[in-house]
Structures are given as C-alpha cells and as structure tokens.
Amino acid sequence: MVKSLFSLLSLAALSSAFAAPSNAADDDTYRHLLLAGGGLTACSSFASDNCDDVDWIDKETMRTDRYLNLSKKFRSRATAESVWPSYREETRKKVADALELIHERLKEDIVPERVFLREFTRRATQQLYNSLSDAEWNRIIDLIELPVPDSAREVVNLDENLKGESKAIFQRFVEMAQSVAGDERKPKVYFLTSASRNPYDKIDFYNSVFEQLGAEVHWLPLDSAVVKAQREGRCDELAKIQQKQLGAYERDRVHKDRYQEQVAFCKDSDAAAEMLADADGLFFNDGDQNLTRSTFIKANNEPGDVLKTIIAAVQQKEVVIGGTGAGTAVMTSKPMISNGTTAQAIKEGAIASDPPPFGCNLDTTCPPNVGPDSLTYHPLGGLSLFHYATLDTEFSERGRQGRLMRLAAASSTPLSIGIDENTAMEVNLESGAFNIIGERGAFMVEDAQGTDNAVAATFHYLVAGASGVISPYGLQTAEFAKGDDVVQEEPTTNFLSDRGLIDSMRILCGERKQVSLLNKDFRLIAQRGESSRVQSSGGECQIVNGSIGIAWQPQEKL
C-alpha cells in the first residue's frame, strides 16, 4: 500500500484495528501531563495587542515595552570588536553606521524597542537587517537595552484576553495542580524559563497569569547556564556563562534583582530539591527545547538528579507537569524534534544533530551538513516524561505534518503527535487516556514510511472536545468532538508552512474521499477509506484512520 503511495502518490485505505482500551478505570479523570502546542497568548501591559480593552494599562506603574539606549556609549558597546567575530567585520561596521543613522533620525537617546525595530527596517537599513542572524540581532538589543525597573512589572489581565482558549488552558493546568494540593489550600505552581535565551523576560508574565488563576506562584530558576555554573563552581560568574551558553549579554545589568535571585539559587545546592518538594505543578515555558533538555540531561545522556526527582514525583502523583511549545516537545522519550521545515524534511531527510541557530546561513554558524531549515532531532529523546510518542507543536499553523512524518519514518517511531497552537492535550500516563482542549486539534501519525523523496502514513486528526486512549503503538480508541462552530479564518492550500492540509481536509467529511494538493514542487494526497471514521466539529473534519502521502516531485522529474 505504501509502495503505491510512493510510486503513484495515490492513497488507498489503510485498515487499522483498534486494540482494546487499557485496564485502567474508564472514569479515571486524573491527568499527569498537560501538553500545549504553543501560541498561548495573554492580554498584558507588555502585549496590549492581545487585549480586548487597554484602558486598564497604567504606563507609569506597569512595564509596557523594552527600552533601548542609542547614546554613543551604548552604540559603541553594541558594535565593539570584542563582541563581533572578525569574519563579520564589514557587518559590524555597517551596524555601527546604521545605529548612528537611526539616532540622528530619531534625535533621542532612549527609545522603545518597537520604534527601534521600525526604524531599522526602513529602506536605508532594511538590507542590513535582513543580513543579520538572530544571534547578532539579539546581541545588539542586549547591549543597548536599559535596565528594567524593579517597580515596573509586566501585568496580565486575563479578563481582557482576546483568546479565551489560552486562559482556559492555563486555568486547566491550575485545576490539575489543585487536584494534587487538595481542597484545603491554593495549589503551588512553579514555572521554569529554561527554554528561554533570556531567562528573566517571562517571569512577570507567568507570575501574573498563574496568580490571577488562583495559584501560589514561584519561579524555579534552573536552566542550562545555572547547571554549568554549579558544575564548575562559578555561580558568581553566571553572566559570563549566560553569554556563552545562552547567547545572552549583560543580563546582570538589565535584570539586576532577578539575576541576583538566580545566583543565590545557584549557590544553594538544596534549593531545587526543596522547591520540587513544595510544588503541586511544574510548568515548562516555550522557546528552545534543546536548552531545557541540556538543563536536565547530562552530557552523557543520563538524567540529572533533578529530573529523577521530577519523574518519581509524577509517578507518585505528587506533582503535575505542563508545557507549551518547546516545553511540550521536550517531554518525549521518543526522538525529540528540534528544527526543520516540511519542505526540507521531505527533500533532505532527518538529521541526528544539534539544531542550527536561526539564521545560521547569514553568519556561517550552521553545524556541518545542516542548513537553517534542516530537520534535526535528538535520537535519545527529551525528558522522558511522555513515553507514548514523539511530540511536535505549533503544528497545523506551520504545516508541520511532513516533517513529523519524515522523522517518524526515519526513526521507526510507531506514534507521533503534533499539537496545534492554542490547543492542549491532557494525558493520563498510566492508562493512556487523553482529551483535547483549546482552539484547534491534535494530529497523530502512525506507521510512517519513507523513500528518498516521499513519506506516507496513517493519520488521525481530533479537535478540542475529543478524547480517547493511546498506547506507544498508536491510537486505541477515539471519541469525536461535536460542535457547530464556523471557522473564521480564510482557508489556504499551502500545506508546506500553513494550514493547507487541515483546511482542505474539510471536504473529507462530505462526499469526497480524497484531497490532492500541489505546493511548489511538492504534492500531498490525503484520503479516507473503508476503515476511516469522520466527524465534523468546529468547522473542521475529524478523521480516524486516514491515509496521507507527501512527495517532492521537482519539475525535471515530472
């Protein structure tokens, strides 16, 4: 069947008999994990675009922007030869000229970051901006950033959130933590910023979110830079380690109090264990899953003591775990995806390598044989808290079905799951029982197979309100969601980097049994067969036991 998919890219029905449900009680509603697909937005003083109303924001007492210093002193620091590699000397000089030009144009030393970005992307300096890697841009911003006043914190207002689903997902995690705490006290939620290049930027955000939802909230200041500082006995040099380990510059100057808090944590060898013993819930932030992995997994791929403690606590139902974006992807014990686009994955395959820095082709920092769009993964997985499947996030919105299928085929992973933005999957780790909440859905890939330029698999797509049971070998049972909502967004057929597959798949809930899409040199065919089940909900087509194939067919081969 799959051979015919590759040779003809004509999908036939694939039968998949469901196994019996787990022996765990069907009425067991306990959930060990909440896996969010990223995109959890909240109305805040720092992100007023997410607010229905902004009259509540007080610019005098709340943090509303990041402010930059364009005076000659700070411009010189950002363009000093000591912080730029010699092979980027010409770029360094151009950046110095651009900063001077922007300063002359604005005629102000202190400007908001959004104003600086607007000016840097004007015609005179647009080409230079496009030539900078993420690492270079971040370094410039870091070195001209003003210290954040301790009195001006980012404040979240969930009542004014434009997206109610994000609030509901955060709320559900607090409810899960409450189930651990019991009814006599507030749940204690500890959150990590270990996936962030700047570990201090999101502290106020998560503090405010979980506090509004009724939790007692604490930051757990553990990240890969702290781990390295502890191992080398260099906690007082944490800023230097952050620069090398995270690519974060002068965080001790910009976030003075938070930095000192983290240094104190670094020096206290018992702090992490004490915080974990106190926690009812641990929440892992979005960012870079490799940073979180290196926080908890040793260089020899053995779990560190902190991770062993977390795993034991989860097994004993002493703590629940939540994550969003990278904080979800890192949970798997299966191969951990870390980078890549569908197009490059289909053409190039999967590469067991560290992920490339974003924009590495611009400053020549890509690892050997890896490009900025290469599909990279860690073959030994992430934190191993989720043993059922490889996990991918921000899924349908970025057309990631192809890259997940390619990794599943390359690594012979029986089940892989992609979770859409603003959506979460709650899981019981004992029974495999799950349910989906939020705005969109979860895409499951089974029995993926591949050739040099094509991949094919059985797939399932379930939306918020659906539930079921999974095993490490696939979907065992599924209960469809039911709803009549209408999708508000314009549909697309772009399946390489957008929702083209999910949007086009709606016809499979009608009389049509197959959808065929062409995007650049890539063809996708998805279909339902005799063993498939379909159900419309929320304007989308849910399907169990569908078949899908994606092939790269450059014109010269057609």
Protein backbone atom coordinates (compact mmCIF):
# COMPACT_ATOMS: atom_id res chain seq x y z
CA MET A 1 0.00 0.00 0.00
CA VAL A 2 2.71 2.46 0.98
CA LYS A 3 4.75 1.44 -2.09
CA SER A 4 1.86 2.51 -4.27
CA LEU A 5 1.73 5.80 -2.37
CA PHE A 6 5.35 6.42 -3.26
CA SER A 7 5.22 5.31 -6.86
CA LEU A 8 1.83 6.74 -7.78
CA LEU A 9 1.12 9.00 -4.80
CA SER A 10 -2.39 7.57 -4.96
CA LEU A 11 -3.60 6.70 -1.49
CA ALA A 12 -5.71 3.69 -0.74
CA ALA A 13 -7.42 2.93 2.51
CA LEU A 14 -5.26 1.56 5.29
CA SER A 15 -7.03 -0.59 7.82
CA SER A 16 -6.09 -0.27 11.45
CA ALA A 17 -7.84 -2.40 14.01
CA PHE A 18 -8.20 -0.68 17.36
CA ALA A 19 -6.86 -2.51 20.39
CA ALA A 20 -8.96 -2.87 23.49
CA PRO A 21 -8.85 0.01 25.95
CA SER A 22 -6.43 -0.01 28.86
CA ASN A 23 -7.41 -1.83 32.06
CA ALA A 24 -7.33 1.49 33.93
CA ALA A 25 -10.70 2.63 35.17
CA ASP A 26 -12.65 4.43 32.46
CA ASP A 27 -13.76 7.09 34.94
CA ASP A 28 -10.21 8.00 35.95
CA THR A 29 -10.05 11.72 35.17
CA TYR A 30 -6.59 12.30 36.66
CA ARG A 31 -4.14 13.85 34.23
CA HIS A 32 -0.37 13.74 34.79
CA LEU A 33 0.56 15.97 31.85
CA LEU A 34 -0.83 18.98 30.01
CA LEU A 35 0.85 19.36 26.62
CA ALA A 36 0.10 22.68 24.91
CA GLY A 37 1.04 23.32 21.31
CA GLY A 38 2.35 26.84 21.87
CA GLY A 39 0.75 30.15 20.97
CA LEU A 40 -0.70 30.66 24.45
CA THR A 41 -1.23 34.41 24.39
CA ALA A 42 -2.44 36.65 27.17
CA CYS A 43 -3.54 40.24 27.38
CA SER A 44 -0.85 42.12 29.27
CA SER A 45 0.65 45.56 29.68
CA PHE A 46 3.56 44.33 27.54
CA ALA A 47 1.34 42.74 24.86
CA SER A 48 -1.65 45.03 24.51
CA ASP A 49 -2.36 43.62 21.03
CA ASN A 50 -3.81 40.59 22.82
CA CYS A 51 -6.27 42.75 24.78
CA ASP A 52 -9.92 43.46 24.10
CA ASP A 53 -9.59 46.69 26.09
CA VAL A 54 -6.43 48.59 27.10
CA ASP A 55 -7.82 51.31 29.38
CA TRP A 56 -6.65 49.37 32.45
CA ILE A 57 -2.96 49.67 31.46
CA ASP A 58 -1.05 52.20 33.59
CA LYS A 59 2.13 53.18 31.76
CA GLU A 60 3.52 54.79 34.90
CA THR A 61 3.47 51.64 37.03
CA MET A 62 3.45 48.76 34.50
CA ARG A 63 6.06 47.55 32.04
CA THR A 64 4.80 48.27 28.54
CA ASP A 65 7.92 47.96 26.39
CA ARG A 66 11.63 47.22 26.32
CA TYR A 67 13.64 50.47 26.20
CA LEU A 68 16.93 50.93 24.40
CA ASN A 69 19.75 53.45 24.79
CA LEU A 70 21.06 54.82 21.49
CA SER A 71 23.63 57.15 23.02
CA LYS A 72 27.17 56.93 21.66
CA LYS A 73 28.36 55.00 24.72
CA PHE A 74 25.84 52.20 24.23
CA ARG A 75 26.16 52.13 20.44
CA SER A 76 29.91 51.65 20.88
CA ARG A 77 29.36 48.72 23.24
CA ALA A 78 26.99 47.02 20.79
CA THR A 79 29.49 47.35 17.93
CA ALA A 80 32.73 46.75 19.79
CA GLU A 81 35.22 44.49 18.01
CA SER A 82 35.40 42.32 21.12
CA VAL A 83 31.80 41.10 20.71
CA TRP A 84 31.84 40.58 16.94
CA PRO A 85 33.78 37.80 15.18
CA SER A 86 36.47 39.03 12.84
CA TYR A 87 34.86 37.43 9.78
CA ARG A 88 31.82 39.71 10.32
CA GLU A 89 33.90 42.88 10.44
CA GLU A 90 32.16 44.52 7.49
CA THR A 91 28.76 43.78 9.02
CA ARG A 92 29.89 45.22 12.35
CA LYS A 93 30.88 48.49 10.67
CA LYS A 94 27.56 48.67 8.83
CA VAL A 95 25.68 48.12 12.10
CA ALA A 96 27.65 50.95 13.72
CA ASP A 97 26.71 53.25 10.84
CA ALA A 98 23.06 52.14 11.00
CA LEU A 99 22.81 52.81 14.73
CA GLU A 100 24.26 56.27 14.24
CA LEU A 101 21.84 56.97 11.39
CA ILE A 102 18.84 55.87 13.45
CA HIS A 103 19.98 58.00 16.39
CA GLU A 104 20.31 61.05 14.15
CA ARG A 105 16.92 60.38 12.61
CA LEU A 106 15.11 59.99 15.96
CA LYS A 107 17.11 62.66 17.77
CA GLU A 108 16.58 60.80 21.05
CA ASP A 109 18.81 58.62 23.20
CA ILE A 110 16.08 56.49 24.82
CA VAL A 111 13.57 54.78 22.53
CA PRO A 112 11.12 51.85 22.80
CA GLU A 113 12.24 48.65 21.09
CA ARG A 114 9.26 48.70 18.73
CA VAL A 115 10.29 52.17 17.49
CA PHE A 116 13.88 50.99 17.03
CA LEU A 117 12.70 47.97 15.04
CA ARG A 118 10.51 50.16 12.85
CA GLU A 119 13.43 52.46 12.08
CA PHE A 120 15.92 49.64 11.46
CA THR A 121 13.60 48.05 8.92
CA ARG A 122 13.17 51.21 6.84
CA ARG A 123 14.57 51.23 3.33
CA ALA A 124 18.03 52.61 4.19
CA THR A 125 18.85 49.78 6.60
CA GLN A 126 16.39 47.04 5.56
CA GLN A 127 19.00 45.06 3.65
CA LEU A 128 21.38 45.12 6.62
CA TYR A 129 18.58 44.00 8.95
CA ASN A 130 17.82 41.06 6.64
CA SER A 131 21.50 40.05 6.65
CA LEU A 132 21.73 39.72 10.44
CA SER A 133 21.32 36.37 12.15
CA ASP A 134 19.10 36.04 15.21
CA ALA A 135 22.19 35.78 17.40
CA GLU A 136 23.57 39.05 16.03
CA TRP A 137 20.29 40.93 16.38
CA ASN A 138 19.80 39.66 19.94
CA ARG A 139 23.33 40.74 20.85
CA ILE A 140 22.68 44.27 19.59
CA ILE A 141 19.45 44.55 21.57
CA ASP A 142 21.02 43.07 24.71
CA LEU A 143 23.91 45.53 24.72
CA ILE A 144 21.79 48.66 24.24
CA GLU A 145 18.91 47.59 26.49
CA LEU A 146 18.15 49.74 29.52
CA PRO A 147 17.84 48.12 32.97
CA VAL A 148 14.30 47.01 33.78
CA PRO A 149 12.96 48.98 36.79
CA ASP A 150 12.01 46.67 39.64
CA SER A 151 8.85 48.73 40.18
CA ALA A 152 7.61 48.30 36.59
CA ARG A 153 6.41 44.74 36.07
CA GLU A 154 4.51 43.21 33.20
CA VAL A 155 0.90 42.75 34.35
CA VAL A 156 -1.50 40.25 32.77
CA ASN A 157 -5.26 40.79 32.59
CA LEU A 158 -6.88 37.53 31.57
CA ASP A 159 -10.37 39.03 31.75
CA GLU A 160 -9.49 41.15 28.71
CA ASN A 161 -7.92 38.28 26.75
CA LEU A 162 -8.88 38.19 23.08
CA LYS A 163 -8.44 34.41 23.05
CA GLY A 164 -10.46 32.69 25.74
CA GLU A 165 -8.91 29.33 24.91
CA SER A 166 -5.48 30.40 26.17
CA LYS A 167 -6.97 31.39 29.51
CA ALA A 168 -8.88 28.11 29.67
CA ILE A 169 -5.69 26.08 29.09
CA PHE A 170 -3.80 27.91 31.83
CA GLN A 171 -6.85 27.53 34.07
CA ARG A 172 -6.96 23.80 33.42
CA PHE A 173 -3.35 23.42 34.49
CA VAL A 174 -4.10 25.20 37.77
CA GLU A 175 -7.04 22.81 38.26
CA MET A 176 -4.74 19.86 37.70
CA ALA A 177 -2.34 21.25 40.32
CA GLN A 178 -5.31 21.75 42.65
CA SER A 179 -6.07 18.03 42.37
CA VAL A 180 -2.63 17.38 43.85
CA ALA A 181 -2.89 20.07 46.53
CA GLY A 182 -6.33 19.05 47.75
CA ASP A 183 -9.16 21.36 48.73
CA GLU A 184 -7.64 22.97 51.83
CA ARG A 185 -5.13 25.34 50.20
CA LYS A 186 -4.10 27.06 46.99
CA PRO A 187 -2.10 24.94 44.55
CA LYS A 188 1.59 25.78 44.35
CA VAL A 189 2.71 26.25 40.76
CA TYR A 190 6.41 26.53 39.94
CA PHE A 191 7.33 27.57 36.43
CA LEU A 192 10.63 27.29 34.55
CA THR A 193 12.11 29.59 31.92
CA SER A 194 14.79 27.09 30.95
CA ALA A 195 13.82 27.20 27.25
CA SER A 196 14.49 30.93 27.00
CA ARG A 197 17.64 32.64 25.81
CA ASN A 198 16.80 35.38 28.31
CA PRO A 199 15.64 33.55 31.47
CA TYR A 200 14.16 36.69 33.04
CA ASP A 201 11.89 38.05 30.31
CA LYS A 202 8.84 35.86 31.03
CA ILE A 203 8.98 35.74 34.83
CA ASP A 204 6.45 38.53 35.36
CA PHE A 205 4.19 37.04 32.68
CA TYR A 206 3.90 33.62 34.30
CA ASN A 207 3.73 35.06 37.80
CA SER A 208 0.80 37.22 36.79
CA VAL A 209 -1.02 34.50 34.79
CA PHE A 210 -0.99 31.83 37.48
CA GLU A 211 -1.60 34.26 40.33
CA GLN A 212 -4.75 35.56 38.61
CA LEU A 213 -5.96 31.99 38.26
CA GLY A 214 -5.72 31.36 41.99
CA ALA A 215 -2.35 29.65 42.39
CA GLU A 216 0.56 30.41 44.67
CA VAL A 217 3.27 31.04 42.09
CA HIS A 218 7.06 30.68 42.18
CA TRP A 219 9.85 30.83 39.62
CA LEU A 220 12.18 27.81 39.61
CA PRO A 221 15.43 29.49 38.43
CA LEU A 222 17.04 26.39 36.94
CA ASP A 223 18.44 26.50 33.41
CA SER A 224 21.44 25.20 31.46
CA ALA A 225 23.63 28.16 32.43
CA VAL A 226 22.95 27.56 36.13
CA VAL A 227 23.70 23.86 35.75
CA LYS A 228 27.04 24.67 34.12
CA ALA A 229 27.86 27.28 36.78
CA GLN A 230 27.07 24.81 39.57
CA ARG A 231 29.13 22.06 37.98
CA GLU A 232 32.14 24.37 37.59
CA GLY A 233 31.72 26.24 40.87
CA ARG A 234 31.25 29.56 39.06
CA CYS A 235 27.91 30.86 40.29
CA ASP A 236 29.39 34.34 40.75
CA GLU A 237 30.30 34.31 37.05
CA LEU A 238 26.82 33.36 35.87
CA ALA A 239 26.62 36.36 33.50
CA LYS A 240 29.70 35.18 31.61
CA ILE A 241 28.27 31.68 31.35
CA GLN A 242 24.94 33.04 30.11
CA GLN A 243 26.78 34.85 27.34
CA LYS A 244 28.46 31.68 26.13
CA GLN A 245 25.75 29.14 26.93
CA LEU A 246 22.63 31.12 26.02
CA GLY A 247 23.92 33.94 23.83
CA ALA A 248 22.50 36.40 26.39
CA TYR A 249 24.57 39.51 27.14
CA GLU A 250 24.67 41.65 30.29
CA ARG A 251 21.57 40.19 31.87
CA ASP A 252 23.10 41.06 35.25
CA ARG A 253 22.94 44.74 34.28
CA VAL A 254 19.45 44.66 32.75
CA HIS A 255 17.69 42.39 35.27
CA LYS A 256 19.67 43.09 38.44
CA ASP A 257 17.30 41.67 41.05
CA ARG A 258 16.31 38.57 39.07
CA TYR A 259 19.94 37.90 38.28
CA GLN A 260 20.90 38.02 41.96
CA GLU A 261 17.98 35.73 42.78
CA GLN A 262 19.29 33.20 40.29
CA VAL A 263 22.85 33.47 41.59
CA ALA A 264 21.59 32.77 45.13
CA PHE A 265 19.68 29.74 43.80
CA CYS A 266 22.83 28.58 42.02
CA LYS A 267 24.83 28.67 45.24
CA ASP A 268 22.22 26.76 47.26
CA SER A 269 22.67 23.09 46.42
CA ASP A 270 19.41 22.17 48.18
CA ALA A 271 17.21 24.84 46.58
CA ALA A 272 15.96 22.83 43.59
CA ALA A 273 15.02 19.79 45.70
CA GLU A 274 13.20 21.97 48.22
CA MET A 275 11.22 23.74 45.51
CA LEU A 276 10.26 20.47 43.84
CA ALA A 277 9.11 19.03 47.14
CA ASP A 278 6.89 22.08 47.60
CA ALA A 279 5.39 22.07 44.08
CA ASP A 280 1.97 20.79 43.07
CA GLY A 281 2.55 21.73 39.44
CA LEU A 282 5.60 22.40 37.24
CA PHE A 283 5.15 24.41 34.05
CA PHE A 284 7.80 24.46 31.29
CA ASN A 285 7.97 27.50 29.01
CA ASP A 286 8.24 27.85 25.23
CA GLY A 287 11.49 28.64 23.45
CA ASP A 288 14.24 26.14 22.61
CA GLN A 289 13.67 22.54 23.73
CA ASN A 290 17.39 21.83 23.45
CA LEU A 291 18.08 24.37 26.22
CA THR A 292 15.60 22.64 28.51
CA ARG A 293 16.97 19.23 27.61
CA SER A 294 20.51 20.28 28.49
CA THR A 295 19.21 21.62 31.81
CA PHE A 296 18.03 18.19 32.94
CA ILE A 297 20.03 15.70 30.88
CA LYS A 298 23.77 15.27 31.40
CA ALA A 299 26.28 15.37 28.55
CA ASN A 300 26.43 11.55 28.68
CA ASN A 301 22.63 11.48 28.13
CA GLU A 302 21.92 10.33 31.67
CA PRO A 303 19.12 12.10 33.56
CA GLY A 304 20.30 14.50 36.25
CA ASP A 305 19.20 14.23 39.87
CA VAL A 306 16.57 16.94 39.47
CA LEU A 307 14.93 15.11 36.57
CA LYS A 308 14.95 11.84 38.52
CA THR A 309 13.16 13.61 41.34
CA ILE A 310 10.56 15.04 38.94
CA ILE A 311 9.91 11.67 37.29
CA ALA A 312 9.42 9.98 40.65
CA ALA A 313 7.05 12.72 41.83
CA VAL A 314 4.98 12.44 38.64
CA GLN A 315 4.73 8.68 39.03
CA GLN A 316 3.57 9.10 42.63
CA LYS A 317 1.03 11.76 41.61
CA GLU A 318 2.79 14.29 43.82
CA VAL A 319 3.13 16.84 41.01
CA VAL A 320 1.56 17.50 37.62
CA ILE A 321 3.51 18.76 34.61
CA GLY A 322 2.54 21.31 31.99
CA GLY A 323 4.39 22.67 29.00
CA THR A 324 3.82 24.86 25.97
CA GLY A 325 5.66 24.82 22.65
CA ALA A 326 9.23 23.74 23.36
CA GLY A 327 8.07 22.86 26.88
CA THR A 328 5.84 20.22 25.28
CA ALA A 329 8.27 18.95 22.63
CA VAL A 330 10.93 18.22 25.27
CA MET A 331 8.65 15.88 27.27
CA THR A 332 9.06 12.89 24.96
CA SER A 333 11.15 9.76 25.48
CA LYS A 334 11.00 9.15 21.72
CA PRO A 335 13.22 11.05 19.24
CA MET A 336 12.94 14.75 20.07
CA ILE A 337 12.38 17.07 17.12
CA SER A 338 14.35 20.31 17.31
CA ASN A 339 14.19 22.11 13.95
CA GLY A 340 13.11 21.94 10.35
CA THR A 341 10.50 22.66 7.71
CA THR A 342 8.31 20.17 5.89
CA ALA A 343 9.84 21.06 2.53
CA GLN A 344 13.42 20.48 3.66
CA ALA A 345 12.45 17.36 5.61
CA ILE A 346 10.89 15.71 2.56
CA LYS A 347 13.87 16.59 0.33
CA GLU A 348 16.74 16.06 2.75
CA GLY A 349 15.53 13.60 5.39
CA ALA A 350 16.09 13.75 9.14
CA ILE A 351 19.48 14.54 10.67
CA ALA A 352 20.52 13.46 14.18
CA SER A 353 22.25 16.71 15.09
CA ASP A 354 22.07 19.76 17.28
CA PRO A 355 19.64 22.27 15.79
CA PRO A 356 21.13 25.11 13.75
CA PRO A 357 20.99 28.65 15.17
CA PHE A 358 18.22 30.61 13.48
CA GLY A 359 19.70 32.47 10.53
CA CYS A 360 22.93 30.47 10.75
CA ASN A 361 23.34 30.76 6.98
CA LEU A 362 23.76 34.51 7.43
CA ASP A 363 26.65 34.42 9.89
CA THR A 364 28.09 31.00 8.88
CA THR A 365 27.33 29.31 12.21
CA CYS A 366 25.40 26.31 10.85
CA PRO A 367 26.64 22.90 12.06
CA PRO A 368 28.30 20.69 9.40
CA ASN A 369 25.86 19.40 6.76
CA VAL A 370 22.97 21.24 8.39
CA GLY A 371 21.09 24.24 7.00
CA PRO A 372 18.70 26.66 8.69
CA ASP A 373 15.66 24.63 7.54
CA SER A 374 17.09 21.13 8.11
CA LEU A 375 15.04 18.64 10.11
CA THR A 376 17.16 17.90 13.18
CA TYR A 377 16.38 15.73 16.16
CA HIS A 378 17.86 14.11 19.24
CA PRO A 379 17.62 10.31 18.82
CA LEU A 380 17.54 9.66 22.58
CA GLY A 381 14.57 11.90 23.22
CA GLY A 382 13.93 14.62 25.77
CA LEU A 383 12.93 14.43 29.43
CA SER A 384 11.14 11.07 29.01
CA LEU A 385 8.06 12.17 30.95
CA PHE A 386 5.86 11.23 27.97
CA HIS A 387 6.61 7.74 26.68
CA TYR A 388 3.91 7.37 24.05
CA ALA A 389 5.11 9.41 21.08
CA THR A 390 7.37 12.00 19.53
CA LEU A 391 5.81 15.44 20.06
CA ASP A 392 5.66 18.43 17.74
CA THR A 393 4.00 21.81 18.33
CA GLU A 394 2.69 24.94 16.55
CA PHE A 395 1.67 22.22 14.22
CA SER A 396 -1.04 22.80 11.62
CA GLU A 397 -0.36 26.55 11.58
CA ARG A 398 3.15 25.88 10.22
CA GLY A 399 2.35 22.89 8.04
CA ARG A 400 4.49 20.51 10.07
CA GLN A 401 2.78 17.25 9.10
CA GLY A 402 5.51 16.42 6.60
CA ARG A 403 8.41 16.98 8.96
CA LEU A 404 6.77 14.87 11.68
CA MET A 405 6.08 12.07 9.22
CA ARG A 406 9.67 12.19 7.95
CA LEU A 407 11.11 11.91 11.47
CA ALA A 408 8.70 9.12 12.37
CA ALA A 409 9.71 7.19 9.25
CA ALA A 410 13.44 7.79 9.70
CA SER A 411 13.41 6.76 13.37
CA SER A 412 10.80 3.98 13.09
CA THR A 413 8.68 5.67 15.73
CA PRO A 414 5.24 3.97 15.81
CA LEU A 415 3.28 7.02 17.03
CA SER A 416 3.96 10.74 16.68
CA ILE A 417 1.69 13.59 17.74
CA GLY A 418 1.54 17.21 16.60
CA ILE A 419 -0.46 19.69 18.67
CA ASP A 420 -1.86 22.88 17.18
CA GLU A 421 -1.34 26.35 18.64
CA ASN A 422 -3.62 27.48 21.44
CA THR A 423 -4.55 23.84 21.97
CA ALA A 424 -3.56 21.29 24.60
CA MET A 425 -3.68 17.55 25.13
CA GLU A 426 -4.16 16.27 28.66
CA VAL A 427 -2.81 12.78 29.31
CA ASN A 428 -3.02 10.10 31.97
CA LEU A 429 0.35 8.36 31.81
CA GLU A 430 -0.91 5.13 33.34
CA SER A 431 -3.90 4.43 31.12
CA GLY A 432 -3.08 6.49 28.04
CA ALA A 433 -6.41 8.29 28.38
CA PHE A 434 -6.36 11.77 26.85
CA ASN A 435 -8.60 14.65 25.96
CA ILE A 436 -8.05 17.73 23.82
CA ILE A 437 -8.91 21.27 24.90
CA GLY A 438 -8.44 24.71 23.41
CA GLU A 439 -8.96 26.16 19.96
CA ARG A 440 -7.91 23.56 17.39
CA GLY A 441 -6.70 19.96 17.39
CA ALA A 442 -4.05 17.24 17.52
CA PHE A 443 -2.65 15.32 14.54
CA MET A 444 -1.43 11.74 15.06
CA VAL A 445 0.89 9.85 12.73
CA GLU A 446 1.20 6.05 12.74
CA ASP A 447 3.32 3.57 10.82
CA ALA A 448 5.15 6.20 8.77
CA GLN A 449 7.38 5.00 5.95
CA GLY A 450 9.62 6.92 3.61
CA THR A 451 11.75 6.93 0.49
CA ASP A 452 14.34 9.47 -0.60
CA ASN A 453 11.73 11.98 -1.68
CA ALA A 454 8.41 10.92 -0.14
CA VAL A 455 6.72 9.91 3.09
CA ALA A 456 3.41 8.21 3.84
CA ALA A 457 1.48 7.23 6.94
CA THR A 458 -1.82 6.54 8.61
CA PHE A 459 -3.12 9.64 10.36
CA HIS A 460 -5.80 10.80 12.77
CA TYR A 461 -6.98 14.35 13.45
CA LEU A 462 -9.07 15.19 16.53
CA VAL A 463 -10.20 18.63 17.68
CA ALA A 464 -10.93 20.24 21.05
CA GLY A 465 -13.60 18.27 22.85
CA ALA A 466 -12.35 14.91 21.57
CA SER A 467 -10.96 12.20 23.83
CA GLY A 468 -9.59 8.70 23.67
CA VAL A 469 -6.80 6.32 24.63
CA ILE A 470 -3.31 5.99 23.15
CA SER A 471 -0.57 3.40 23.52
CA PRO A 472 3.05 3.63 22.35
CA TYR A 473 1.87 1.87 19.19
CA GLY A 474 -0.97 4.14 18.20
CA LEU A 475 -4.46 5.42 18.83
CA GLN A 476 -6.52 2.78 20.61
CA THR A 477 -9.92 4.45 20.95
CA ALA A 478 -11.29 7.86 19.99
CA GLU A 479 -14.43 9.78 20.80
CA PHE A 480 -15.04 12.63 18.37
CA ALA A 481 -15.82 16.16 19.48
CA LYS A 482 -19.18 17.53 18.41
CA GLY A 483 -19.79 21.19 17.62
CA ASP A 484 -21.21 23.58 15.06
CA ASP A 485 -18.79 26.50 15.21
CA VAL A 486 -17.69 28.04 11.94
CA VAL A 487 -14.02 28.63 11.18
CA GLN A 488 -13.44 32.38 10.89
CA GLU A 489 -10.10 32.42 9.05
CA GLU A 490 -9.65 32.39 5.28
CA PRO A 491 -8.70 28.88 4.08
CA THR A 492 -5.38 28.17 2.39
CA THR A 493 -3.95 25.34 0.31
CA ASN A 494 -0.36 25.95 1.48
CA PHE A 495 0.50 22.70 3.28
CA LEU A 496 4.26 23.35 3.47
CA SER A 497 4.13 26.17 6.00
CA ASP A 498 0.46 26.83 6.78
CA ARG A 499 -2.88 25.14 7.48
CA GLY A 500 -3.35 23.92 3.91
CA LEU A 501 -3.91 20.26 4.81
CA ILE A 502 -6.37 20.88 7.65
CA ASP A 503 -8.31 23.50 5.68
CA SER A 504 -8.53 21.31 2.58
CA MET A 505 -9.35 18.17 4.57
CA ARG A 506 -12.82 19.53 5.40
CA ILE A 507 -14.15 18.01 2.19
CA LEU A 508 -13.41 14.53 3.57
CA CYS A 509 -16.35 14.95 5.92
CA GLY A 510 -18.60 15.32 2.87
CA GLU A 511 -18.96 13.12 -0.17
CA ARG A 512 -15.35 13.47 -1.29
CA LYS A 513 -12.96 10.74 -0.21
CA GLN A 514 -9.70 12.29 -1.34
CA VAL A 515 -7.94 15.65 -1.34
CA SER A 516 -4.95 16.37 -3.59
CA LEU A 517 -2.79 19.48 -3.21
CA LEU A 518 0.17 20.86 -5.14
CA ASN A 519 2.52 23.37 -3.49
CA LYS A 520 5.67 24.36 -5.41
CA ASP A 521 7.37 21.04 -6.24
CA PHE A 522 5.50 19.08 -3.58
CA ARG A 523 2.33 17.04 -3.85
CA LEU A 524 0.12 15.91 -0.96
CA ILE A 525 -2.70 13.40 -1.10
CA ALA A 526 -4.92 12.59 1.89
CA GLN A 527 -7.89 10.28 1.84
CA ARG A 528 -10.33 8.27 3.86
CA GLY A 529 -11.06 4.62 3.21
CA GLU A 530 -13.29 1.80 4.35
CA SER A 531 -11.81 1.71 7.84
CA SER A 532 -11.90 5.50 8.30
CA ARG A 533 -14.31 7.38 10.55
CA VAL A 534 -15.06 11.07 10.10
CA GLN A 535 -16.99 13.69 12.05
CA SER A 536 -17.27 17.46 11.57
CA SER A 537 -16.78 19.68 14.60
CA GLY A 538 -15.97 23.35 14.96
CA GLY A 539 -15.85 23.72 11.20
CA GLU A 540 -13.08 21.10 10.89
CA CYS A 541 -13.12 17.50 9.74
CA GLN A 542 -12.02 14.99 12.34
CA ILE A 543 -10.77 11.72 10.95
CA VAL A 544 -9.56 8.42 12.34
CA ASN A 545 -7.62 6.05 10.09
CA GLY A 546 -6.96 8.40 7.23
CA SER A 547 -4.07 7.94 4.81
CA ILE A 548 -1.61 10.61 3.76
CA GLY A 549 1.39 10.89 1.48
CA ILE A 550 3.68 13.81 0.62
CA ALA A 551 6.24 13.70 -2.20
CA TRP A 552 8.84 16.04 -3.60
CA GLN A 553 8.44 16.00 -7.37
CA PRO A 554 10.71 18.61 -8.97
CA GLN A 555 9.61 19.59 -12.46
CA GLU A 556 12.50 17.91 -14.16
CA LYS A 557 11.27 14.59 -12.73
CA LEU A 558 7.63 15.07 -13.65
